[in-house]
Amino acid sequence: MSNKQNYDIAVIGSGPGGYAAAFRAADLGKKVVLIDRDEHLGGVCLNRGCIPSKALLHISKVIDDADHLSKIGVSFQEPKIDIDVVRAYKEKTVSQLNKGISQLANARKVQVLNGTATFLSNSELNVAGGEGNIKVEFDRCIIAAGSTAAMLPGVPKDHPSVLTSRTALDLVAIPETLLVVGGGVIGLELGQVYSSLGSKVSVVEFLPNLIPGADPDIVKPLQRKLNKQFENIMLSSKVDSVTALEDTRLSVSIINENGDRVEKAFNQILVSVGRKPNSDLLKLDQTDVVVNDNGFIDVDVYQRTSVKNIFAIGDIVGNPMLAHKSTHEGKVAAEVACGHPAAMDARAIPSVVYTDPEIAWAGLTELEAKEKGISYEKGEFPWAASGKALILNAAQGKTKILFHPESKQVLGAGIVGPSAGDLISEAVLAIEMGADVEDIALTVHPHPTLGETFAAASEVYSGTITDLYIPKKGKK
């Protein structure tokens, strides 16, 4: 292979946004190179995030479902965990998808380079890999280099008992006790996995609520379940210090909001306090690309950076750090880079927590509305009135929709319960289409389903609900 190559478009990073950008550009007739420092395509989402964690959460959900069935007349033996087989199942799922992406790249004649990409200028890259250094000259470049797990200061990050989201998914062993530092999406998902596989899990969260950013009423059913499933949930608390013990355990000092200190030993701790962009790995100082104080690359609605021929997408341009956001941005960047009209103008980007129960929200939340002084009205439907939810042991679930007080258009929605991540798509479409309460309430939904709770929440708001009795407010 030549140590100097020329391409119409170079894409750095093969995650959901990177490969979507590369494939879209190739479909539009461009000569494309896709560069990744990992041997396997797919980025964090496929190899160390979304896919492997959801494969393990599937196991966790089935174990919980089996426990419920034992209470309604169908009993199974206690689950027997073969961690090697579980790991192999997870890795097989990832491998199958890896191969699929590689096949799609080959079909589109996208050149794949395995190596670390760094900028030499506004039109050149150096790719350092197993075949030495390759100089890549490009007309357009799309940066999709992603992010890495952030670490707490003072935590011995090289200690074998300190896990990140990446090493936690390796499933080397199931610890007797596990402390999850961070009560956000990743921490709770992996905490629930390890709990189902036999660990005694505790969680410490600096803020007063789990899953900051989601409305507390949507999180409440999950927290109620985790209070039973986990050993301890410490809110408004922080890890003050971590000390390695001689037997590979870690002694952790935790301080709560009152200043009270607790010290306890754990077999392992999982640090899940957020992620940081990989902008520092690219030698962007060799370009004119502007990076803000938080390490994110500034882009416009066309995903273009401060340099006209360099674009950026995904985690590296800022929150929310979500695969589906990155994919959408990747397509926009590719189309603009190829001279086609496109812009990132999504009205709503859904967020999903794949715990049991699942939590999902999109558009305006009540938290955001109150912080910004935005007027709204809402309709809520409790799943205790849903036949399908009762069948699924999901009576604690809820569907909530926020409406504009005057136009009655959907502003946002939140759902908690099984398949919330699937159900939220209707809310996103409603927001994108500018749908109002009647558009939803008068759409015939199939029965009995969880999907009909979305229509029911609209009917609660419009006053046409028949599955609940809501006394009309008297005149003042």
Protein backbone atom coordinates (compact mmCIF):
# COMPACT_ATOMS: atom_id res chain seq x y z
CA MET A 1 0.00 0.00 0.00
CA SER A 2 1.32 3.44 -0.91
CA ASN A 3 2.37 5.68 1.95
CA LYS A 4 0.48 8.55 0.28
CA GLN A 5 -3.18 8.39 -0.70
CA ASN A 6 -5.73 10.89 -1.99
CA TYR A 7 -9.45 10.86 -1.27
CA ASP A 8 -12.48 13.02 -1.86
CA ILE A 9 -13.61 12.45 1.72
CA ALA A 10 -11.73 11.13 4.75
CA VAL A 11 -13.76 10.02 7.77
CA ILE A 12 -12.04 9.67 11.14
CA GLY A 13 -13.86 7.17 13.35
CA SER A 14 -16.04 4.21 12.40
CA GLY A 15 -18.78 4.51 15.00
CA PRO A 16 -22.47 4.89 14.08
CA GLY A 17 -21.88 8.45 12.85
CA GLY A 18 -18.58 7.73 11.12
CA TYR A 19 -19.63 4.74 9.09
CA ALA A 20 -22.98 6.38 8.26
CA ALA A 21 -21.09 9.42 6.93
CA ALA A 22 -18.64 7.27 4.95
CA PHE A 23 -21.36 5.09 3.44
CA ARG A 24 -23.59 8.05 2.54
CA ALA A 25 -20.68 9.86 0.85
CA ALA A 26 -19.79 6.70 -1.08
CA ASP A 27 -23.42 6.33 -2.18
CA LEU A 28 -23.18 9.88 -3.51
CA GLY A 29 -20.27 8.89 -5.72
CA LYS A 30 -17.26 10.03 -3.70
CA LYS A 31 -13.95 8.25 -3.14
CA VAL A 32 -13.97 7.65 0.62
CA VAL A 33 -11.54 6.42 3.26
CA LEU A 34 -12.76 5.34 6.71
CA ILE A 35 -10.07 5.48 9.40
CA ASP A 36 -10.27 3.93 12.87
CA ARG A 37 -7.66 3.13 15.48
CA ASP A 38 -9.57 -0.04 16.46
CA GLU A 39 -9.22 -3.20 14.44
CA HIS A 40 -12.99 -3.74 14.45
CA LEU A 41 -15.40 -1.23 12.91
CA GLY A 42 -18.38 0.10 14.83
CA GLY A 43 -16.82 2.39 17.42
CA VAL A 44 -17.70 2.51 21.10
CA CYS A 45 -21.41 1.88 20.48
CA LEU A 46 -20.98 -1.47 18.80
CA ASN A 47 -17.82 -2.76 20.44
CA ARG A 48 -17.87 -1.33 23.97
CA GLY A 49 -21.22 0.32 24.57
CA CYS A 50 -24.76 0.16 23.21
CA ILE A 51 -24.77 -3.30 21.67
CA PRO A 52 -22.86 -5.39 24.25
CA SER A 53 -24.60 -3.69 27.17
CA LYS A 54 -28.04 -4.30 25.65
CA ALA A 55 -27.14 -7.94 25.00
CA LEU A 56 -26.39 -8.30 28.71
CA LEU A 57 -29.46 -6.30 29.74
CA HIS A 58 -31.54 -8.78 27.75
CA ILE A 59 -30.25 -11.53 30.03
CA SER A 60 -31.01 -9.41 33.08
CA LYS A 61 -34.58 -8.79 31.89
CA VAL A 62 -35.26 -12.47 31.22
CA ILE A 63 -34.03 -13.42 34.70
CA ASP A 64 -36.40 -10.85 36.19
CA ASP A 65 -39.29 -12.06 34.01
CA ALA A 66 -38.66 -15.64 35.13
CA ASP A 67 -38.84 -14.50 38.75
CA HIS A 68 -42.20 -12.84 38.07
CA LEU A 69 -43.56 -15.97 36.38
CA SER A 70 -42.77 -18.00 39.50
CA LYS A 71 -45.27 -15.81 41.33
CA ILE A 72 -48.07 -16.51 38.86
CA GLY A 73 -47.79 -20.28 38.64
CA VAL A 74 -44.87 -21.00 36.30
CA SER A 75 -41.69 -21.92 38.16
CA PHE A 76 -38.13 -22.41 36.91
CA GLN A 77 -34.99 -23.52 38.66
CA GLU A 78 -32.69 -20.85 40.06
CA PRO A 79 -30.63 -19.36 37.21
CA LYS A 80 -27.21 -20.90 36.78
CA ILE A 81 -24.73 -18.36 35.41
CA ASP A 82 -21.93 -19.60 33.16
CA ILE A 83 -20.02 -16.36 32.74
CA ASP A 84 -17.85 -17.75 29.92
CA VAL A 85 -20.92 -18.63 27.85
CA VAL A 86 -22.52 -15.27 28.62
CA ARG A 87 -19.37 -13.50 27.48
CA ALA A 88 -19.23 -15.59 24.31
CA TYR A 89 -22.87 -14.72 23.52
CA LYS A 90 -22.12 -11.03 23.92
CA GLU A 91 -18.99 -11.22 21.79
CA LYS A 92 -20.74 -13.23 19.08
CA THR A 93 -23.43 -10.57 18.80
CA VAL A 94 -20.79 -7.84 18.47
CA SER A 95 -18.74 -9.86 15.98
CA GLN A 96 -21.73 -10.49 13.76
CA LEU A 97 -22.44 -6.77 13.53
CA ASN A 98 -18.73 -5.99 13.01
CA LYS A 99 -18.69 -8.24 9.97
CA GLY A 100 -21.86 -6.63 8.67
CA ILE A 101 -20.30 -3.16 8.71
CA SER A 102 -17.14 -4.46 7.00
CA GLN A 103 -19.25 -6.07 4.29
CA LEU A 104 -21.15 -2.81 3.74
CA ALA A 105 -17.85 -0.95 3.44
CA ASN A 106 -16.55 -3.44 0.88
CA ALA A 107 -19.79 -3.31 -1.11
CA ARG A 108 -19.50 0.47 -1.34
CA LYS A 109 -15.76 0.35 -2.14
CA VAL A 110 -14.95 2.41 0.96
CA GLN A 111 -11.24 2.08 1.80
CA VAL A 112 -10.70 1.15 5.45
CA LEU A 113 -7.47 2.11 7.23
CA ASN A 114 -6.65 0.77 10.68
CA GLY A 115 -4.54 3.29 12.58
CA THR A 116 -4.44 6.50 14.58
CA ALA A 117 -5.27 9.58 12.53
CA THR A 118 -3.71 12.95 13.32
CA PHE A 119 -3.86 16.16 11.33
CA LEU A 120 -0.87 17.55 9.47
CA SER A 121 -2.81 20.51 8.02
CA ASN A 122 -6.30 21.54 6.91
CA SER A 123 -6.07 19.03 4.05
CA GLU A 124 -3.75 16.28 5.25
CA LEU A 125 -3.73 13.46 7.79
CA ASN A 126 -1.13 11.05 9.06
CA VAL A 127 -2.41 7.55 9.82
CA ALA A 128 -0.05 5.59 12.07
CA GLY A 129 -0.79 1.87 12.07
CA GLY A 130 0.66 -1.58 11.68
CA GLU A 131 1.76 -0.79 8.12
CA GLY A 132 3.67 2.31 9.20
CA ASN A 133 2.69 5.89 8.47
CA ILE A 134 0.31 6.66 5.64
CA LYS A 135 -0.24 10.22 4.48
CA VAL A 136 -3.84 10.90 3.51
CA GLU A 137 -4.71 13.97 1.45
CA PHE A 138 -8.40 14.89 1.36
CA ASP A 139 -10.76 17.40 -0.21
CA ARG A 140 -13.19 17.07 2.71
CA CYS A 141 -12.78 15.49 6.15
CA ILE A 142 -15.46 14.38 8.62
CA ILE A 143 -14.28 14.00 12.22
CA ALA A 144 -16.21 11.31 14.09
CA ALA A 145 -13.57 10.43 16.67
CA GLY A 146 -16.01 10.03 19.56
CA SER A 147 -15.29 10.12 23.28
CA THR A 148 -13.78 8.12 26.12
CA ALA A 149 -14.89 7.47 29.68
CA ALA A 150 -14.00 10.22 32.14
CA MET A 151 -12.21 9.25 35.36
CA LEU A 152 -12.47 10.68 38.85
CA PRO A 153 -9.34 12.37 40.17
CA GLY A 154 -7.67 10.33 42.88
CA VAL A 155 -9.02 7.01 41.62
CA PRO A 156 -6.25 4.50 40.77
CA LYS A 157 -7.34 4.06 37.15
CA ASP A 158 -4.78 1.34 36.38
CA HIS A 159 -5.92 -0.83 39.28
CA PRO A 160 -7.52 -4.10 38.07
CA SER A 161 -10.48 -3.59 40.40
CA VAL A 162 -11.36 -0.20 38.89
CA LEU A 163 -13.73 -0.63 35.96
CA THR A 164 -14.91 1.71 33.23
CA SER A 165 -17.89 1.05 30.98
CA ARG A 166 -15.45 -0.60 28.59
CA THR A 167 -13.77 -3.01 31.02
CA ALA A 168 -17.04 -3.73 32.83
CA LEU A 169 -18.40 -5.19 29.59
CA ASP A 170 -15.45 -7.60 29.37
CA LEU A 171 -17.06 -9.63 32.18
CA VAL A 172 -13.73 -10.95 33.44
CA ALA A 173 -15.42 -11.86 36.73
CA ILE A 174 -18.56 -11.11 38.70
CA PRO A 175 -17.49 -9.39 41.94
CA GLU A 176 -19.21 -10.13 45.21
CA THR A 177 -19.58 -6.40 45.85
CA LEU A 178 -19.58 -3.57 43.28
CA LEU A 179 -19.76 0.18 43.80
CA VAL A 180 -21.10 2.14 40.83
CA VAL A 181 -19.86 5.73 40.89
CA GLY A 182 -22.42 7.74 38.96
CA GLY A 183 -26.18 7.25 38.86
CA GLY A 184 -26.61 8.08 35.20
CA VAL A 185 -27.56 5.94 32.22
CA ILE A 186 -24.39 3.82 31.94
CA GLY A 187 -23.98 3.27 35.67
CA LEU A 188 -27.54 2.08 36.23
CA GLU A 189 -27.61 -0.14 33.14
CA LEU A 190 -24.38 -1.92 34.05
CA GLY A 191 -25.29 -1.95 37.73
CA GLN A 192 -28.48 -3.80 36.92
CA VAL A 193 -26.56 -6.28 34.74
CA TYR A 194 -24.06 -7.09 37.47
CA SER A 195 -26.83 -7.32 40.07
CA SER A 196 -28.69 -9.87 37.95
CA LEU A 197 -25.48 -11.87 37.56
CA GLY A 198 -24.98 -12.04 41.33
CA SER A 199 -23.14 -8.92 42.53
CA LYS A 200 -24.24 -6.87 45.52
CA VAL A 201 -24.41 -3.44 43.92
CA SER A 202 -24.28 0.00 45.55
CA VAL A 203 -24.57 3.34 43.74
CA VAL A 204 -23.22 6.75 44.71
CA GLU A 205 -24.49 9.82 42.83
CA PHE A 206 -23.31 13.40 43.39
CA LEU A 207 -26.66 14.96 42.43
CA PRO A 208 -29.92 14.52 44.40
CA ASN A 209 -31.58 12.42 41.68
CA LEU A 210 -30.76 9.39 39.57
CA ILE A 211 -30.54 10.01 35.80
CA PRO A 212 -30.14 13.79 35.97
CA GLY A 213 -31.96 15.40 33.07
CA ALA A 214 -34.95 13.09 33.16
CA ASP A 215 -38.10 14.13 35.02
CA PRO A 216 -38.15 12.63 38.56
CA ASP A 217 -41.67 11.21 38.13
CA ILE A 218 -40.47 9.18 35.13
CA VAL A 219 -37.44 7.91 37.06
CA LYS A 220 -39.42 7.07 40.21
CA PRO A 221 -40.67 3.59 39.16
CA LEU A 222 -37.11 2.57 38.24
CA GLN A 223 -35.70 3.92 41.48
CA ARG A 224 -38.37 2.05 43.43
CA LYS A 225 -37.23 -1.19 41.80
CA LEU A 226 -33.52 -0.45 42.22
CA ASN A 227 -34.07 0.24 45.94
CA LYS A 228 -35.00 -3.44 46.21
CA GLN A 229 -32.47 -4.75 43.70
CA PHE A 230 -29.39 -2.81 44.87
CA GLU A 231 -27.77 -2.91 48.29
CA ASN A 232 -27.62 0.86 48.64
CA ILE A 233 -28.28 4.04 46.64
CA MET A 234 -26.47 7.10 48.01
CA LEU A 235 -27.69 10.37 46.51
CA SER A 236 -26.21 13.83 47.06
CA SER A 237 -22.96 12.04 47.90
CA LYS A 238 -19.47 11.95 46.48
CA VAL A 239 -16.45 9.66 46.50
CA ASP A 240 -13.76 11.44 48.49
CA SER A 241 -10.96 8.90 48.16
CA VAL A 242 -10.20 5.38 46.95
CA THR A 243 -7.43 3.31 48.53
CA ALA A 244 -6.14 -0.02 47.24
CA LEU A 245 -6.09 -2.81 49.83
CA GLU A 246 -3.70 -5.74 49.85
CA ASP A 247 -6.34 -8.28 48.78
CA THR A 248 -7.23 -6.39 45.50
CA ARG A 249 -10.28 -4.82 47.13
CA LEU A 250 -10.71 -1.05 47.27
CA SER A 251 -11.53 1.01 50.33
CA VAL A 252 -13.84 3.87 49.34
CA SER A 253 -14.56 6.97 51.41
CA ILE A 254 -17.94 8.55 50.65
CA ILE A 255 -19.23 11.89 51.96
CA ASN A 256 -22.91 12.88 51.86
CA GLU A 257 -24.43 16.37 51.69
CA ASN A 258 -24.41 16.67 55.49
CA GLY A 259 -20.68 16.02 55.62
CA ASP A 260 -21.08 12.54 57.08
CA ARG A 261 -18.39 10.13 55.95
CA VAL A 262 -18.75 6.41 55.26
CA GLU A 263 -15.85 4.11 54.48
CA LYS A 264 -16.46 0.70 52.97
CA ALA A 265 -14.50 -1.91 51.04
CA PHE A 266 -15.68 -3.15 47.64
CA ASN A 267 -14.34 -5.91 45.42
CA GLN A 268 -14.63 -3.62 42.41
CA ILE A 269 -15.80 -0.11 41.56
CA LEU A 270 -17.26 1.02 38.25
CA VAL A 271 -16.57 4.66 37.39
CA SER A 272 -19.35 6.02 35.17
CA VAL A 273 -19.24 9.78 35.67
CA GLY A 274 -19.54 10.79 32.04
CA ARG A 275 -17.41 10.94 28.94
CA LYS A 276 -14.89 13.35 27.46
CA PRO A 277 -14.36 14.13 23.74
CA ASN A 278 -11.33 12.66 21.95
CA SER A 279 -10.35 16.01 20.41
CA ASP A 280 -6.98 15.91 22.19
CA LEU A 281 -5.93 12.83 20.17
CA LEU A 282 -6.17 14.47 16.74
CA LYS A 283 -3.48 17.19 16.82
CA LEU A 284 -6.06 19.78 15.88
CA ASP A 285 -3.52 22.47 16.66
CA GLN A 286 -2.08 21.66 13.23
CA THR A 287 -5.35 22.97 11.73
CA ASP A 288 -7.55 26.04 12.08
CA VAL A 289 -10.37 24.02 13.68
CA VAL A 290 -11.79 25.76 16.77
CA VAL A 291 -12.19 23.68 19.93
CA ASN A 292 -14.11 25.15 22.89
CA ASP A 293 -13.08 25.16 26.54
CA ASN A 294 -14.77 21.80 27.16
CA GLY A 295 -12.83 20.09 24.39
CA PHE A 296 -15.76 19.93 21.97
CA ILE A 297 -15.41 21.00 18.34
CA ASP A 298 -17.69 23.89 17.42
CA VAL A 299 -19.90 23.22 14.37
CA ASP A 300 -22.80 24.91 12.58
CA VAL A 301 -26.08 23.37 11.46
CA TYR A 302 -24.27 21.86 8.48
CA GLN A 303 -21.82 20.10 10.85
CA ARG A 304 -19.07 22.29 9.39
CA THR A 305 -16.23 23.39 11.68
CA SER A 306 -14.43 26.73 11.51
CA VAL A 307 -12.56 25.23 8.55
CA LYS A 308 -14.79 25.07 5.46
CA ASN A 309 -13.68 21.62 4.29
CA ILE A 310 -13.61 19.93 7.73
CA PHE A 311 -16.78 18.68 9.40
CA ALA A 312 -17.36 17.10 12.81
CA ILE A 313 -20.15 14.93 14.21
CA GLY A 314 -21.17 12.85 17.22
CA ASP A 315 -19.76 12.91 20.74
CA ILE A 316 -16.88 15.17 19.75
CA VAL A 317 -19.24 18.09 18.98
CA GLY A 318 -21.15 17.96 22.26
CA ASN A 319 -24.15 16.58 24.09
CA PRO A 320 -26.23 14.58 23.89
CA MET A 321 -23.68 11.83 23.33
CA LEU A 322 -26.02 9.41 21.60
CA ALA A 323 -25.45 7.02 18.71
CA HIS A 324 -28.62 7.98 16.86
CA LYS A 325 -27.76 11.68 17.05
CA SER A 326 -24.34 10.91 15.62
CA THR A 327 -25.82 8.87 12.76
CA HIS A 328 -28.13 11.69 11.77
CA GLU A 329 -25.31 14.23 11.95
CA GLY A 330 -23.09 11.92 9.88
CA LYS A 331 -25.57 11.84 7.04
CA VAL A 332 -25.96 15.62 7.16
CA ALA A 333 -22.18 16.15 7.07
CA ALA A 334 -21.75 13.69 4.20
CA GLU A 335 -24.48 15.28 2.12
CA VAL A 336 -23.19 18.82 2.65
CA ALA A 337 -19.63 17.68 1.95
CA CYS A 338 -20.87 16.20 -1.32
CA GLY A 339 -22.58 19.44 -2.33
CA HIS A 340 -26.13 18.47 -1.43
CA PRO A 341 -28.55 20.59 0.63
CA ALA A 342 -28.86 19.29 4.21
CA ALA A 343 -28.86 20.63 7.77
CA MET A 344 -29.13 19.30 11.30
CA ASP A 345 -32.53 20.66 12.31
CA ALA A 346 -34.02 17.86 14.41
CA ARG A 347 -36.70 19.20 16.75
CA ALA A 348 -36.19 16.36 19.21
CA ILE A 349 -33.54 13.74 19.94
CA PRO A 350 -34.83 10.88 22.08
CA SER A 351 -32.97 9.62 25.14
CA VAL A 352 -33.39 6.06 26.40
CA VAL A 353 -32.23 4.24 29.53
CA TYR A 354 -32.35 0.50 28.83
CA THR A 355 -32.82 -0.57 32.42
CA ASP A 356 -35.79 -2.58 33.64
CA PRO A 357 -38.11 -0.73 33.52
CA GLU A 358 -36.90 1.32 30.58
CA ILE A 359 -37.06 5.11 30.67
CA ALA A 360 -37.36 7.29 27.57
CA TRP A 361 -37.99 10.93 26.89
CA ALA A 362 -37.93 13.35 23.97
CA GLY A 363 -38.43 17.05 23.44
CA LEU A 364 -39.29 19.32 26.35
CA THR A 365 -39.09 17.90 29.87
CA GLU A 366 -40.87 19.40 32.85
CA LEU A 367 -37.49 20.09 34.43
CA GLU A 368 -36.41 22.11 31.40
CA ALA A 369 -39.76 23.89 31.15
CA LYS A 370 -39.60 25.03 34.77
CA GLU A 371 -35.94 26.11 34.48
CA LYS A 372 -36.63 28.17 31.34
CA GLY A 373 -40.08 29.42 32.27
CA ILE A 374 -41.78 27.68 29.32
CA SER A 375 -45.56 27.30 29.64
CA TYR A 376 -46.99 23.83 29.12
CA GLU A 377 -49.89 21.58 29.99
CA LYS A 378 -49.77 17.79 30.25
CA GLY A 379 -51.68 14.58 29.93
CA GLU A 380 -50.62 11.49 31.90
CA PHE A 381 -51.84 7.94 31.61
CA PRO A 382 -50.94 5.49 34.39
CA TRP A 383 -50.18 2.00 33.13
CA ALA A 384 -52.17 0.56 36.02
CA ALA A 385 -55.14 1.17 33.72
CA SER A 386 -53.51 -0.68 30.78
CA GLY A 387 -54.44 -4.32 30.26
CA LYS A 388 -51.20 -5.05 28.40
CA ALA A 389 -49.14 -3.44 31.15
CA LEU A 390 -50.83 -5.56 33.81
CA ILE A 391 -50.10 -8.70 31.78
CA LEU A 392 -46.42 -7.67 31.64
CA ASN A 393 -46.21 -6.84 35.35
CA ALA A 394 -45.69 -3.19 34.42
CA ALA A 395 -48.44 -1.46 36.36
CA GLN A 396 -45.93 1.10 37.71
CA GLY A 397 -45.35 2.45 34.20
CA LYS A 398 -46.57 5.77 32.89
CA THR A 399 -46.87 7.76 29.67
CA LYS A 400 -46.74 11.54 29.90
CA ILE A 401 -47.12 14.12 27.11
CA LEU A 402 -46.49 17.86 27.38
CA PHE A 403 -48.63 20.12 25.19
CA HIS A 404 -48.49 23.78 24.17
CA PRO A 405 -51.27 25.54 26.13
CA GLU A 406 -52.64 27.32 23.06
CA SER A 407 -51.79 25.34 19.92
CA LYS A 408 -52.11 21.99 21.76
CA GLN A 409 -49.08 20.73 19.83
CA VAL A 410 -46.81 18.13 21.42
CA LEU A 411 -43.80 19.72 23.12
CA GLY A 412 -42.32 16.66 24.74
CA ALA A 413 -43.00 13.25 26.24
CA GLY A 414 -41.70 10.86 28.87
CA ILE A 415 -42.37 7.15 29.23
CA VAL A 416 -41.35 4.59 31.86
CA GLY A 417 -42.02 0.88 31.46
CA PRO A 418 -41.12 -2.07 29.22
CA SER A 419 -40.26 -1.04 25.64
CA ALA A 420 -40.29 2.67 26.50
CA GLY A 421 -37.39 3.06 24.06
CA ASP A 422 -39.56 1.71 21.25
CA LEU A 423 -42.65 3.69 22.25
CA ILE A 424 -40.88 7.07 22.36
CA SER A 425 -40.53 7.04 18.55
CA GLU A 426 -44.18 8.05 18.22
CA ALA A 427 -43.52 11.07 20.41
CA VAL A 428 -40.50 12.08 18.32
CA LEU A 429 -42.53 11.81 15.11
CA ALA A 430 -45.36 13.83 16.69
CA ILE A 431 -42.93 16.61 17.63
CA GLU A 432 -41.28 16.60 14.18
CA MET A 433 -44.66 16.70 12.43
CA GLY A 434 -46.08 19.39 14.70
CA ALA A 435 -48.90 17.05 15.75
CA ASP A 436 -51.48 18.28 18.24
CA VAL A 437 -53.54 16.44 20.82
CA GLU A 438 -56.32 15.51 18.37
CA ASP A 439 -53.86 14.13 15.81
CA ILE A 440 -52.79 11.60 18.42
CA ALA A 441 -56.07 10.98 20.25
CA LEU A 442 -57.97 10.43 16.99
CA THR A 443 -55.36 8.04 15.59
CA VAL A 444 -56.65 4.50 16.12
CA HIS A 445 -54.08 2.54 18.14
CA PRO A 446 -54.18 -1.27 18.38
CA HIS A 447 -55.51 -2.88 21.57
CA PRO A 448 -54.22 -4.33 23.83
CA THR A 449 -50.78 -2.74 23.44
CA LEU A 450 -48.45 -0.47 25.33
CA GLY A 451 -48.52 1.85 22.31
CA GLU A 452 -52.13 2.80 22.98
CA THR A 453 -51.02 4.47 26.24
CA PHE A 454 -49.70 7.32 24.10
CA ALA A 455 -53.15 7.91 22.69
CA ALA A 456 -54.62 7.49 26.17
CA ALA A 457 -52.37 10.22 27.58
CA SER A 458 -53.67 12.53 24.84
CA GLU A 459 -57.24 11.57 25.70
CA VAL A 460 -56.61 12.36 29.35
CA TYR A 461 -55.50 15.82 28.29
CA SER A 462 -58.41 16.37 25.88
CA GLY A 463 -60.96 15.05 28.38
CA THR A 464 -62.13 12.20 26.12
CA ILE A 465 -60.61 9.30 28.09
CA THR A 466 -62.97 6.39 28.85
CA ASP A 467 -60.46 3.97 30.39
CA LEU A 468 -60.21 6.24 33.43
CA TYR A 469 -62.77 8.30 35.33
CA ILE A 470 -61.51 11.80 35.91
CA PRO A 471 -64.06 14.07 37.64
CA LYS A 472 -64.46 17.37 35.89
CA LYS A 473 -63.25 20.38 37.83
CA GLY A 474 -66.08 22.51 39.12
CA LYS A 475 -66.51 26.11 38.11
CA LYS A 476 -65.05 28.67 40.45
